[in-house]
C-alpha atoms as a PDB file:
ATOM      1  CA  UNK A   1      -0.002   0.002  -0.004  1.00  0.00           C
ATOM      2  CA  UNK A   2       1.411   3.347  -1.046  1.00  0.00           C
ATOM      3  CA  UNK A   3       0.832   6.536   0.934  1.00  0.00           C
ATOM      4  CA  UNK A   4       1.449  10.133  -0.023  1.00  0.00           C
ATOM      5  CA  UNK A   5      -0.291  13.026  -1.617  1.00  0.00           C
ATOM      6  CA  UNK A   6      -0.984  13.625  -5.297  1.00  0.00           C
ATOM      7  CA  UNK A   7      -3.670  13.567  -7.952  1.00  0.00           C
ATOM      8  CA  UNK A   8      -4.063   9.769  -7.784  1.00  0.00           C
ATOM      9  CA  UNK A   9      -4.464   9.606  -4.052  1.00  0.00           C
ATOM     10  CA  UNK A  10      -7.743   9.338  -2.149  1.00  0.00           C
ATOM     11  CA  UNK A  11      -7.826  12.904  -0.811  1.00  0.00           C
ATOM     12  CA  UNK A  12     -10.661  13.794  -3.134  1.00  0.00           C
ATOM     13  CA  UNK A  13     -13.024  11.433  -1.252  1.00  0.00           C
ATOM     14  CA  UNK A  14     -12.381  13.584   1.831  1.00  0.00           C
ATOM     15  CA  UNK A  15     -12.650  16.899  -0.003  1.00  0.00           C
ATOM     16  CA  UNK A  16     -16.024  16.019  -1.528  1.00  0.00           C
ATOM     17  CA  UNK A  17     -17.337  14.789   1.845  1.00  0.00           C
ATOM     18  CA  UNK A  18     -16.131  17.914   3.651  1.00  0.00           C
ATOM     19  CA  UNK A  19     -17.615  20.280   1.070  1.00  0.00           C
ATOM     20  CA  UNK A  20     -21.039  18.724   1.446  1.00  0.00           C
ATOM     21  CA  UNK A  21     -20.823  18.176   5.205  1.00  0.00           C
ATOM     22  CA  UNK A  22     -19.675  21.655   6.186  1.00  0.00           C
ATOM     23  CA  UNK A  23     -21.543  23.312   3.324  1.00  0.00           C
ATOM     24  CA  UNK A  24     -24.861  21.939   4.521  1.00  0.00           C
ATOM     25  CA  UNK A  25     -23.930  22.680   8.138  1.00  0.00           C
ATOM     26  CA  UNK A  26     -23.275  26.275   7.110  1.00  0.00           C
ATOM     27  CA  UNK A  27     -26.553  26.575   5.186  1.00  0.00           C
ATOM     28  CA  UNK A  28     -28.605  25.146   8.035  1.00  0.00           C
ATOM     29  CA  UNK A  29     -26.407  26.152  10.967  1.00  0.00           C
ATOM     30  CA  UNK A  30     -29.228  27.423  13.178  1.00  0.00           C
ATOM     31  CA  UNK A  31     -31.186  24.182  12.849  1.00  0.00           C
ATOM     32  CA  UNK A  32     -28.161  21.976  13.539  1.00  0.00           C
ATOM     33  CA  UNK A  33     -26.882  24.033  16.451  1.00  0.00           C
ATOM     34  CA  UNK A  34     -30.296  24.107  18.097  1.00  0.00           C
ATOM     35  CA  UNK A  35     -30.815  20.356  17.815  1.00  0.00           C
ATOM     36  CA  UNK A  36     -27.302  19.322  18.846  1.00  0.00           C
ATOM     37  CA  UNK A  37     -27.280  21.574  21.922  1.00  0.00           C
ATOM     38  CA  UNK A  38     -30.243  19.537  23.198  1.00  0.00           C
ATOM     39  CA  UNK A  39     -27.986  16.513  23.995  1.00  0.00           C
ATOM     40  CA  UNK A  40     -25.071  17.767  26.143  1.00  0.00           C
ATOM     41  CA  UNK A  41     -24.706  14.412  27.953  1.00  0.00           C
ATOM     42  CA  UNK A  42     -23.376  12.881  24.737  1.00  0.00           C
ATOM     43  CA  UNK A  43     -20.200  14.973  24.829  1.00  0.00           C
ATOM     44  CA  UNK A  44     -17.868  12.079  25.646  1.00  0.00           C
ATOM     45  CA  UNK A  45     -19.054   9.871  22.805  1.00  0.00           C
ATOM     46  CA  UNK A  46     -19.349  12.861  20.483  1.00  0.00           C
ATOM     47  CA  UNK A  47     -15.757  13.914  21.145  1.00  0.00           C
ATOM     48  CA  UNK A  48     -14.489  10.355  20.815  1.00  0.00           C
ATOM     49  CA  UNK A  49     -16.399  10.034  17.563  1.00  0.00           C
ATOM     50  CA  UNK A  50     -14.911  13.331  16.323  1.00  0.00           C
ATOM     51  CA  UNK A  51     -11.369  12.192  17.130  1.00  0.00           C
ATOM     52  CA  UNK A  52     -11.758   8.948  15.179  1.00  0.00           C
ATOM     53  CA  UNK A  53     -13.608  10.844  12.414  1.00  0.00           C
ATOM     54  CA  UNK A  54     -10.660  13.184  11.848  1.00  0.00           C
ATOM     55  CA  UNK A  55      -8.137  10.340  12.026  1.00  0.00           C
ATOM     56  CA  UNK A  56     -10.189   8.547   9.352  1.00  0.00           C
ATOM     57  CA  UNK A  57     -10.435  11.690   7.193  1.00  0.00           C
ATOM     58  CA  UNK A  58      -6.696  12.362   7.373  1.00  0.00           C
ATOM     59  CA  UNK A  59      -5.611   8.768   6.912  1.00  0.00           C
ATOM     60  CA  UNK A  60      -8.047   8.051   4.087  1.00  0.00           C
ATOM     61  CA  UNK A  61      -6.708  11.099   2.232  1.00  0.00           C
ATOM     62  CA  UNK A  62      -3.162   9.767   1.722  1.00  0.00           C
ATOM     63  CA  UNK A  63      -3.869   6.346   0.213  1.00  0.00           C
ATOM     64  CA  UNK A  64      -2.751   5.884  -3.393  1.00  0.00           C
ATOM     65  CA  UNK A  65      -5.614   4.827  -5.669  1.00  0.00           C
ATOM     66  CA  UNK A  66      -5.331   1.943  -8.126  1.00  0.00           C
ATOM     67  CA  UNK A  67      -7.937   1.867 -10.868  1.00  0.00           C
ATOM     68  CA  UNK A  68      -9.593  -1.552 -10.830  1.00  0.00           C
ATOM     69  CA  UNK A  69     -13.026  -3.115 -10.488  1.00  0.00           C
ATOM     70  CA  UNK A  70     -12.968  -2.636  -6.685  1.00  0.00           C
ATOM     71  CA  UNK A  71     -12.237   1.059  -7.279  1.00  0.00           C
ATOM     72  CA  UNK A  72     -15.345   1.407  -9.516  1.00  0.00           C
ATOM     73  CA  UNK A  73     -17.522  -0.531  -7.050  1.00  0.00           C
ATOM     74  CA  UNK A  74     -16.144   1.603  -4.199  1.00  0.00           C
ATOM     75  CA  UNK A  75     -16.991   4.812  -6.070  1.00  0.00           C
ATOM     76  CA  UNK A  76     -20.584   3.658  -6.663  1.00  0.00           C
ATOM     77  CA  UNK A  77     -20.989   2.753  -2.964  1.00  0.00           C
ATOM     78  CA  UNK A  78     -19.372   6.064  -1.946  1.00  0.00           C
ATOM     79  CA  UNK A  79     -21.845   8.015  -4.162  1.00  0.00           C
ATOM     80  CA  UNK A  80     -24.815   6.091  -2.732  1.00  0.00           C
ATOM     81  CA  UNK A  81     -23.590   6.811   0.812  1.00  0.00           C
ATOM     82  CA  UNK A  82     -23.137  10.528  -0.040  1.00  0.00           C
ATOM     83  CA  UNK A  83     -26.681  10.727  -1.398  1.00  0.00           C
ATOM     84  CA  UNK A  84     -28.045   9.137   1.758  1.00  0.00           C
ATOM     85  CA  UNK A  85     -25.898  11.381   3.967  1.00  0.00           C
ATOM     86  CA  UNK A  86     -26.838  14.595   2.153  1.00  0.00           C
ATOM     87  CA  UNK A  87     -30.507  13.684   2.050  1.00  0.00           C
ATOM     88  CA  UNK A  88     -30.575  12.888   5.788  1.00  0.00           C
ATOM     89  CA  UNK A  89     -28.857  16.199   6.620  1.00  0.00           C
ATOM     90  CA  UNK A  90     -31.388  18.048   4.486  1.00  0.00           C
ATOM     91  CA  UNK A  91     -34.454  16.398   6.082  1.00  0.00           C
ATOM     92  CA  UNK A  92     -32.954  16.831   9.537  1.00  0.00           C
ATOM     93  CA  UNK A  93     -32.382  20.549   8.918  1.00  0.00           C
ATOM     94  CA  UNK A  94     -35.789  21.406   7.423  1.00  0.00           C
ATOM     95  CA  UNK A  95     -37.846  19.562  10.026  1.00  0.00           C
ATOM     96  CA  UNK A  96     -39.699  21.543  12.677  1.00  0.00           C
ATOM     97  CA  UNK A  97     -37.891  21.673  16.038  1.00  0.00           C
ATOM     98  CA  UNK A  98     -40.821  20.412  18.063  1.00  0.00           C
ATOM     99  CA  UNK A  99     -41.367  17.218  15.986  1.00  0.00           C
ATOM    100  CA  UNK A 100     -39.270  14.147  15.374  1.00  0.00           C
ATOM    101  CA  UNK A 101     -37.716  13.843  11.924  1.00  0.00           C
ATOM    102  CA  UNK A 102     -39.809  11.180  10.150  1.00  0.00           C
ATOM    103  CA  UNK A 103     -39.876  12.254   6.518  1.00  0.00           C
ATOM    104  CA  UNK A 104     -37.644  11.530   3.523  1.00  0.00           C
ATOM    105  CA  UNK A 105     -34.868   9.029   4.267  1.00  0.00           C
ATOM    106  CA  UNK A 106     -35.993   8.925   7.881  1.00  0.00           C
ATOM    107  CA  UNK A 107     -38.824   6.684   6.627  1.00  0.00           C
ATOM    108  CA  UNK A 108     -36.280   3.899   5.965  1.00  0.00           C
ATOM    109  CA  UNK A 109     -33.877   4.443   8.872  1.00  0.00           C
ATOM    110  CA  UNK A 110     -34.058   6.190  12.226  1.00  0.00           C
ATOM    111  CA  UNK A 111     -30.390   7.100  11.800  1.00  0.00           C
ATOM    112  CA  UNK A 112     -29.708   7.590   8.088  1.00  0.00           C
ATOM    113  CA  UNK A 113     -26.911  10.102   8.795  1.00  0.00           C
ATOM    114  CA  UNK A 114     -24.860   7.442  10.605  1.00  0.00           C
ATOM    115  CA  UNK A 115     -25.800   4.826   8.016  1.00  0.00           C
ATOM    116  CA  UNK A 116     -24.782   7.179   5.196  1.00  0.00           C
ATOM    117  CA  UNK A 117     -21.411   7.849   6.816  1.00  0.00           C
ATOM    118  CA  UNK A 118     -20.784   4.117   7.228  1.00  0.00           C
ATOM    119  CA  UNK A 119     -21.674   3.493   3.553  1.00  0.00           C
ATOM    120  CA  UNK A 120     -19.456   6.405   2.401  1.00  0.00           C
ATOM    121  CA  UNK A 121     -16.396   4.950   4.135  1.00  0.00           C
ATOM    122  CA  UNK A 122     -17.302   1.414   3.201  1.00  0.00           C
ATOM    123  CA  UNK A 123     -17.028   2.712  -0.370  1.00  0.00           C
ATOM    124  CA  UNK A 124     -13.641   4.277   0.423  1.00  0.00           C
ATOM    125  CA  UNK A 125     -12.481   0.958   1.921  1.00  0.00           C
ATOM    126  CA  UNK A 126     -13.596  -0.985  -1.167  1.00  0.00           C
ATOM    127  CA  UNK A 127     -11.989   1.604  -3.499  1.00  0.00           C
ATOM    128  CA  UNK A 128      -8.680   1.547  -1.617  1.00  0.00           C
ATOM    129  CA  UNK A 129      -8.703  -1.936  -0.038  1.00  0.00           C
ATOM    130  CA  UNK A 130      -7.041  -0.443   3.022  1.00  0.00           C
ATOM    131  CA  UNK A 131      -7.932  -2.402   6.185  1.00  0.00           C
ATOM    132  CA  UNK A 132      -7.172   0.583   8.447  1.00  0.00           C
ATOM    133  CA  UNK A 133     -10.020   2.513   6.745  1.00  0.00           C
ATOM    134  CA  UNK A 134     -12.372  -0.409   7.465  1.00  0.00           C
ATOM    135  CA  UNK A 135     -11.274  -0.692  11.103  1.00  0.00           C
ATOM    136  CA  UNK A 136     -11.707   3.061  11.724  1.00  0.00           C
ATOM    137  CA  UNK A 137     -15.120   2.971  10.007  1.00  0.00           C
ATOM    138  CA  UNK A 138     -16.236   0.094  12.266  1.00  0.00           C
ATOM    139  CA  UNK A 139     -14.956   1.901  15.387  1.00  0.00           C
ATOM    140  CA  UNK A 140     -16.808   5.104  14.384  1.00  0.00           C
ATOM    141  CA  UNK A 141     -19.935   3.084  13.584  1.00  0.00           C
ATOM    142  CA  UNK A 142     -19.809   1.439  17.025  1.00  0.00           C
ATOM    143  CA  UNK A 143     -19.498   4.822  18.745  1.00  0.00           C
ATOM    144  CA  UNK A 144     -22.265   6.250  16.541  1.00  0.00           C
ATOM    145  CA  UNK A 145     -24.500   3.325  17.490  1.00  0.00           C
ATOM    146  CA  UNK A 146     -23.971   4.147  21.176  1.00  0.00           C
ATOM    147  CA  UNK A 147     -24.859   7.787  20.456  1.00  0.00           C
ATOM    148  CA  UNK A 148     -27.921   6.682  18.454  1.00  0.00           C
ATOM    149  CA  UNK A 149     -29.275   4.671  21.367  1.00  0.00           C
ATOM    150  CA  UNK A 150     -29.013   7.695  23.693  1.00  0.00           C
ATOM    151  CA  UNK A 151     -30.507   9.967  21.059  1.00  0.00           C
ATOM    152  CA  UNK A 152     -33.501   7.648  20.852  1.00  0.00           C
ATOM    153  CA  UNK A 153     -33.999   7.812  24.614  1.00  0.00           C
ATOM    154  CA  UNK A 154     -33.890  11.594  24.369  1.00  0.00           C
ATOM    155  CA  UNK A 155     -36.364  11.577  21.476  1.00  0.00           C
ATOM    156  CA  UNK A 156     -38.726   9.333  23.434  1.00  0.00           C
ATOM    157  CA  UNK A 157     -38.591  11.780  26.347  1.00  0.00           C
ATOM    158  CA  UNK A 158     -39.025  14.795  24.081  1.00  0.00           C
ATOM    159  CA  UNK A 159     -41.632  13.534  21.598  1.00  0.00           C
ATOM    160  CA  UNK A 160     -43.204  10.710  23.632  1.00  0.00           C
ATOM    161  CA  UNK A 161     -45.988   8.809  21.793  1.00  0.00           C
ATOM    162  CA  UNK A 162     -45.182  10.278  18.414  1.00  0.00           C
ATOM    163  CA  UNK A 163     -41.617   8.932  18.582  1.00  0.00           C
ATOM    164  CA  UNK A 164     -42.737   5.584  19.995  1.00  0.00           C
ATOM    165  CA  UNK A 165     -45.092   5.123  17.044  1.00  0.00           C
ATOM    166  CA  UNK A 166     -42.281   6.067  14.676  1.00  0.00           C
ATOM    167  CA  UNK A 167     -40.003   3.460  16.313  1.00  0.00           C
ATOM    168  CA  UNK A 168     -42.618   0.795  15.672  1.00  0.00           C
ATOM    169  CA  UNK A 169     -42.674   1.645  11.944  1.00  0.00           C
ATOM    170  CA  UNK A 170     -38.980   2.292  11.227  1.00  0.00           C
ATOM    171  CA  UNK A 171     -35.993   0.214  12.281  1.00  0.00           C
ATOM    172  CA  UNK A 172     -32.936   1.769  13.910  1.00  0.00           C
ATOM    173  CA  UNK A 173     -30.558   1.020  11.033  1.00  0.00           C
ATOM    174  CA  UNK A 174     -32.593   0.213   7.916  1.00  0.00           C
ATOM    175  CA  UNK A 175     -36.039  -1.082   6.921  1.00  0.00           C
ATOM    176  CA  UNK A 176     -35.712  -3.920   4.457  1.00  0.00           C
END
């Protein structure tokens, strides 16, 4: 496995992700800030998640790409993950503050943002075949799962019956 920085390295996966992630955060900053300030007790897991997130972003940016079938499959999976991630950020941001997010991609997953992130970096793993990317993605997904469980408890307390009915219709990860 070659590492470095150049046109044929995987930095562009990270750049595309960051443009959409921070671009949408900027466009909907009031909505995101309001919602995320509601869960201060998740700071430990959130900070841990952020640390591993940045390690993954930095590390996955310096892997040399080799054009092969796994690269093409990885790109397709990456694009699907980005579409899910962007869509979930959009529906999260436009939803009313006093209601749980249940529209759009939230009809197929209670946590499409976390699922989208996992799929994005699963695509990066398949494109690069770098086991470290896979391990970091699994660690981040485990931490995100812990966060998701607490977020659901918070949503049940905040939205009560409405959220409980939503939980009966939509699975935590994905409805198949």
